[in-house]
N, C-alpha and C. Protein backbone atom coordinates (compact mmCIF):
# COMPACT_ATOMS: atom_id res chain seq x y z
N UNK A 1 110.61 130.13 95.48
CA UNK A 1 109.68 129.32 96.25
C UNK A 1 110.36 128.00 96.58
N UNK A 2 110.42 127.63 97.83
CA UNK A 2 111.02 126.35 98.20
C UNK A 2 110.18 125.19 97.67
N UNK A 3 110.83 124.08 97.38
CA UNK A 3 110.12 122.89 96.93
C UNK A 3 110.70 121.66 97.59
N UNK A 4 109.87 120.65 97.71
CA UNK A 4 110.26 119.39 98.33
C UNK A 4 111.04 118.56 97.33
N UNK A 5 112.05 117.85 97.80
CA UNK A 5 112.80 116.96 96.93
C UNK A 5 111.90 115.80 96.55
N UNK A 6 111.61 115.68 95.25
CA UNK A 6 110.70 114.65 94.77
C UNK A 6 110.96 114.37 93.30
N UNK A 7 110.57 113.20 92.85
CA UNK A 7 110.62 112.86 91.43
C UNK A 7 109.28 113.16 90.76
N UNK A 8 108.27 113.56 91.52
CA UNK A 8 106.93 113.78 90.99
C UNK A 8 106.86 115.09 90.22
N UNK A 9 106.82 114.97 88.90
CA UNK A 9 106.70 116.18 88.08
C UNK A 9 105.33 116.81 88.24
N UNK A 10 104.34 116.01 88.58
CA UNK A 10 103.01 116.56 88.84
C UNK A 10 103.05 117.49 90.06
N UNK A 11 103.70 117.03 91.13
CA UNK A 11 103.79 117.85 92.34
C UNK A 11 104.58 119.13 92.08
N UNK A 12 105.71 119.01 91.43
CA UNK A 12 106.52 120.19 91.12
C UNK A 12 105.77 121.12 90.17
N UNK A 13 105.08 120.52 89.20
CA UNK A 13 104.32 121.31 88.24
C UNK A 13 103.21 122.10 88.89
N UNK A 14 102.54 121.50 89.87
CA UNK A 14 101.47 122.21 90.57
C UNK A 14 102.01 123.46 91.25
N UNK A 15 103.22 123.36 91.79
CA UNK A 15 103.83 124.54 92.40
C UNK A 15 104.12 125.60 91.34
N UNK A 16 104.58 125.17 90.18
CA UNK A 16 104.86 126.11 89.09
C UNK A 16 103.58 126.79 88.62
N UNK A 17 102.50 126.01 88.50
CA UNK A 17 101.22 126.57 88.07
C UNK A 17 100.70 127.58 89.09
N UNK A 18 101.01 127.36 90.37
CA UNK A 18 100.63 128.32 91.39
C UNK A 18 101.27 129.69 91.17
N UNK A 19 102.42 129.71 90.51
CA UNK A 19 103.11 130.96 90.21
C UNK A 19 102.79 131.49 88.81
N UNK A 20 102.59 130.55 87.88
CA UNK A 20 102.33 130.90 86.48
C UNK A 20 101.26 129.96 85.93
N UNK A 21 100.01 130.38 86.03
CA UNK A 21 98.89 129.52 85.63
C UNK A 21 98.96 129.10 84.17
N UNK A 22 99.63 129.89 83.33
CA UNK A 22 99.71 129.54 81.92
C UNK A 22 100.58 128.30 81.66
N UNK A 23 101.26 127.79 82.67
CA UNK A 23 102.06 126.57 82.52
C UNK A 23 101.21 125.29 82.61
N UNK A 24 99.94 125.41 82.96
CA UNK A 24 99.09 124.24 83.17
C UNK A 24 99.11 123.24 82.00
N UNK A 25 98.99 123.67 80.75
CA UNK A 25 99.01 122.68 79.66
C UNK A 25 100.32 121.89 79.61
N UNK A 26 101.44 122.55 79.87
CA UNK A 26 102.72 121.85 79.88
C UNK A 26 102.85 120.92 81.07
N UNK A 27 102.36 121.34 82.21
CA UNK A 27 102.41 120.51 83.41
C UNK A 27 101.59 119.24 83.20
N UNK A 28 100.44 119.39 82.55
CA UNK A 28 99.62 118.21 82.25
C UNK A 28 100.37 117.23 81.36
N UNK A 29 101.15 117.75 80.43
CA UNK A 29 101.94 116.88 79.55
C UNK A 29 103.14 116.28 80.28
N UNK A 30 103.60 116.94 81.34
CA UNK A 30 104.79 116.50 82.06
C UNK A 30 104.53 115.33 83.00
N UNK A 31 103.35 115.25 83.57
CA UNK A 31 103.06 114.25 84.60
C UNK A 31 103.47 112.83 84.20
N UNK A 32 103.17 112.36 82.98
CA UNK A 32 103.58 111.00 82.63
C UNK A 32 105.10 110.79 82.55
N UNK A 33 105.85 111.88 82.46
CA UNK A 33 107.31 111.75 82.37
C UNK A 33 107.94 111.35 83.71
N UNK A 34 107.19 111.45 84.79
CA UNK A 34 107.71 111.11 86.11
C UNK A 34 108.30 109.71 86.14
N UNK A 35 107.68 108.78 85.44
CA UNK A 35 108.17 107.40 85.49
C UNK A 35 109.59 107.26 84.93
N UNK A 36 110.02 108.17 84.07
CA UNK A 36 111.38 108.09 83.54
C UNK A 36 112.43 108.35 84.63
N UNK A 37 112.03 108.95 85.72
CA UNK A 37 112.96 109.24 86.82
C UNK A 37 113.37 107.97 87.56
N UNK A 38 112.56 106.92 87.48
CA UNK A 38 112.86 105.71 88.26
C UNK A 38 112.71 104.42 87.48
N UNK A 39 111.86 104.39 86.49
CA UNK A 39 111.49 103.12 85.85
C UNK A 39 112.67 102.35 85.28
N UNK A 40 113.59 103.02 84.65
CA UNK A 40 114.69 102.32 83.97
C UNK A 40 115.98 102.31 84.79
N UNK A 41 115.91 102.80 86.00
CA UNK A 41 117.09 102.88 86.85
C UNK A 41 117.41 101.55 87.53
N UNK A 42 116.40 100.77 87.79
CA UNK A 42 116.57 99.55 88.56
C UNK A 42 116.41 98.32 87.67
N UNK A 43 117.14 97.25 87.99
CA UNK A 43 117.01 96.04 87.18
C UNK A 43 115.61 95.44 87.31
N UNK A 44 115.22 94.74 86.29
CA UNK A 44 113.90 94.12 86.31
C UNK A 44 113.44 93.85 84.90
N UNK A 45 112.16 93.59 84.76
CA UNK A 45 111.63 93.22 83.47
C UNK A 45 110.81 94.33 82.81
N UNK A 46 111.15 95.57 83.05
CA UNK A 46 110.42 96.65 82.40
C UNK A 46 110.82 96.73 80.93
N UNK A 47 109.90 97.15 80.11
CA UNK A 47 110.20 97.29 78.69
C UNK A 47 110.74 98.70 78.43
N UNK A 48 111.63 98.80 77.47
CA UNK A 48 112.19 100.10 77.11
C UNK A 48 111.18 100.87 76.27
N UNK A 49 111.22 102.18 76.31
CA UNK A 49 110.31 102.96 75.46
C UNK A 49 110.71 102.80 74.00
N UNK A 50 109.74 102.91 73.13
CA UNK A 50 110.03 102.87 71.69
C UNK A 50 110.80 104.14 71.34
N UNK A 51 111.51 104.13 70.21
CA UNK A 51 112.20 105.36 69.79
C UNK A 51 111.24 106.55 69.67
N UNK A 52 110.03 106.31 69.17
CA UNK A 52 109.05 107.40 69.04
C UNK A 52 108.63 107.91 70.42
N UNK A 53 108.36 106.99 71.35
CA UNK A 53 107.97 107.39 72.70
C UNK A 53 109.09 108.18 73.37
N UNK A 54 110.33 107.73 73.20
CA UNK A 54 111.47 108.43 73.79
C UNK A 54 111.63 109.82 73.18
N UNK A 55 111.45 109.93 71.87
CA UNK A 55 111.58 111.23 71.20
C UNK A 55 110.49 112.19 71.67
N UNK A 56 109.26 111.69 71.81
CA UNK A 56 108.16 112.53 72.29
C UNK A 56 108.41 112.99 73.72
N UNK A 57 108.92 112.10 74.55
CA UNK A 57 109.21 112.47 75.94
C UNK A 57 110.31 113.53 75.98
N UNK A 58 111.31 113.37 75.15
CA UNK A 58 112.40 114.34 75.11
C UNK A 58 111.90 115.70 74.62
N UNK A 59 111.02 115.69 73.63
CA UNK A 59 110.46 116.94 73.11
C UNK A 59 109.63 117.64 74.19
N UNK A 60 108.82 116.87 74.91
CA UNK A 60 108.00 117.44 75.98
C UNK A 60 108.89 118.03 77.08
N UNK A 61 109.90 117.27 77.48
CA UNK A 61 110.81 117.76 78.53
C UNK A 61 111.51 119.04 78.09
N UNK A 62 111.92 119.10 76.83
CA UNK A 62 112.57 120.31 76.32
C UNK A 62 111.65 121.51 76.32
N UNK A 63 110.39 121.30 75.96
CA UNK A 63 109.42 122.39 75.94
C UNK A 63 109.17 122.91 77.35
N UNK A 64 109.08 122.00 78.30
CA UNK A 64 108.87 122.40 79.70
C UNK A 64 110.08 123.16 80.23
N UNK A 65 111.26 122.64 79.96
CA UNK A 65 112.49 123.30 80.39
C UNK A 65 112.56 124.72 79.84
N UNK A 66 112.28 124.89 78.55
CA UNK A 66 112.33 126.21 77.93
C UNK A 66 111.30 127.15 78.54
N UNK A 67 110.10 126.66 78.79
CA UNK A 67 109.04 127.49 79.36
C UNK A 67 109.39 127.95 80.77
N UNK A 68 109.98 127.07 81.56
CA UNK A 68 110.37 127.46 82.91
C UNK A 68 111.52 128.45 82.86
N UNK A 69 112.51 128.22 82.01
CA UNK A 69 113.63 129.16 81.89
C UNK A 69 113.16 130.56 81.50
N UNK A 70 112.18 130.63 80.60
CA UNK A 70 111.66 131.94 80.18
C UNK A 70 111.11 132.75 81.35
N UNK A 71 110.63 132.05 82.35
CA UNK A 71 109.98 132.73 83.47
C UNK A 71 110.95 133.06 84.60
N UNK A 72 112.16 132.57 84.52
CA UNK A 72 113.16 132.89 85.53
C UNK A 72 113.74 134.27 85.30
N UNK A 73 114.08 134.96 86.36
CA UNK A 73 114.80 136.23 86.18
C UNK A 73 116.10 135.98 85.42
N UNK A 74 116.51 136.90 84.57
CA UNK A 74 117.71 136.69 83.76
C UNK A 74 118.95 136.30 84.57
N UNK A 75 119.10 136.83 85.77
CA UNK A 75 120.29 136.51 86.56
C UNK A 75 120.28 135.09 87.12
N UNK A 76 119.16 134.37 87.01
CA UNK A 76 119.08 132.99 87.49
C UNK A 76 119.12 131.97 86.37
N UNK A 77 119.15 132.41 85.14
CA UNK A 77 119.17 131.49 83.99
C UNK A 77 120.59 130.97 83.77
N UNK A 78 120.69 129.72 83.32
CA UNK A 78 122.04 129.19 83.02
C UNK A 78 122.67 129.85 81.82
């Protein structure tokens, strides 16, 4: 399925849910991770995430990555 180039994990997740409705709980957890795509890239006065917040975000991202990989045909998996 083609997708638009975007940093919005909510938008990308909605497309995934359209193919696999059981991904909805993970997509809901993914939406807040969108800010990591841009928030710390540019100079400014943003605060860094706490170690716990960063660990939770990494765990969520890993769970989403694994769930999506499971649904890919074997010949498309890394």
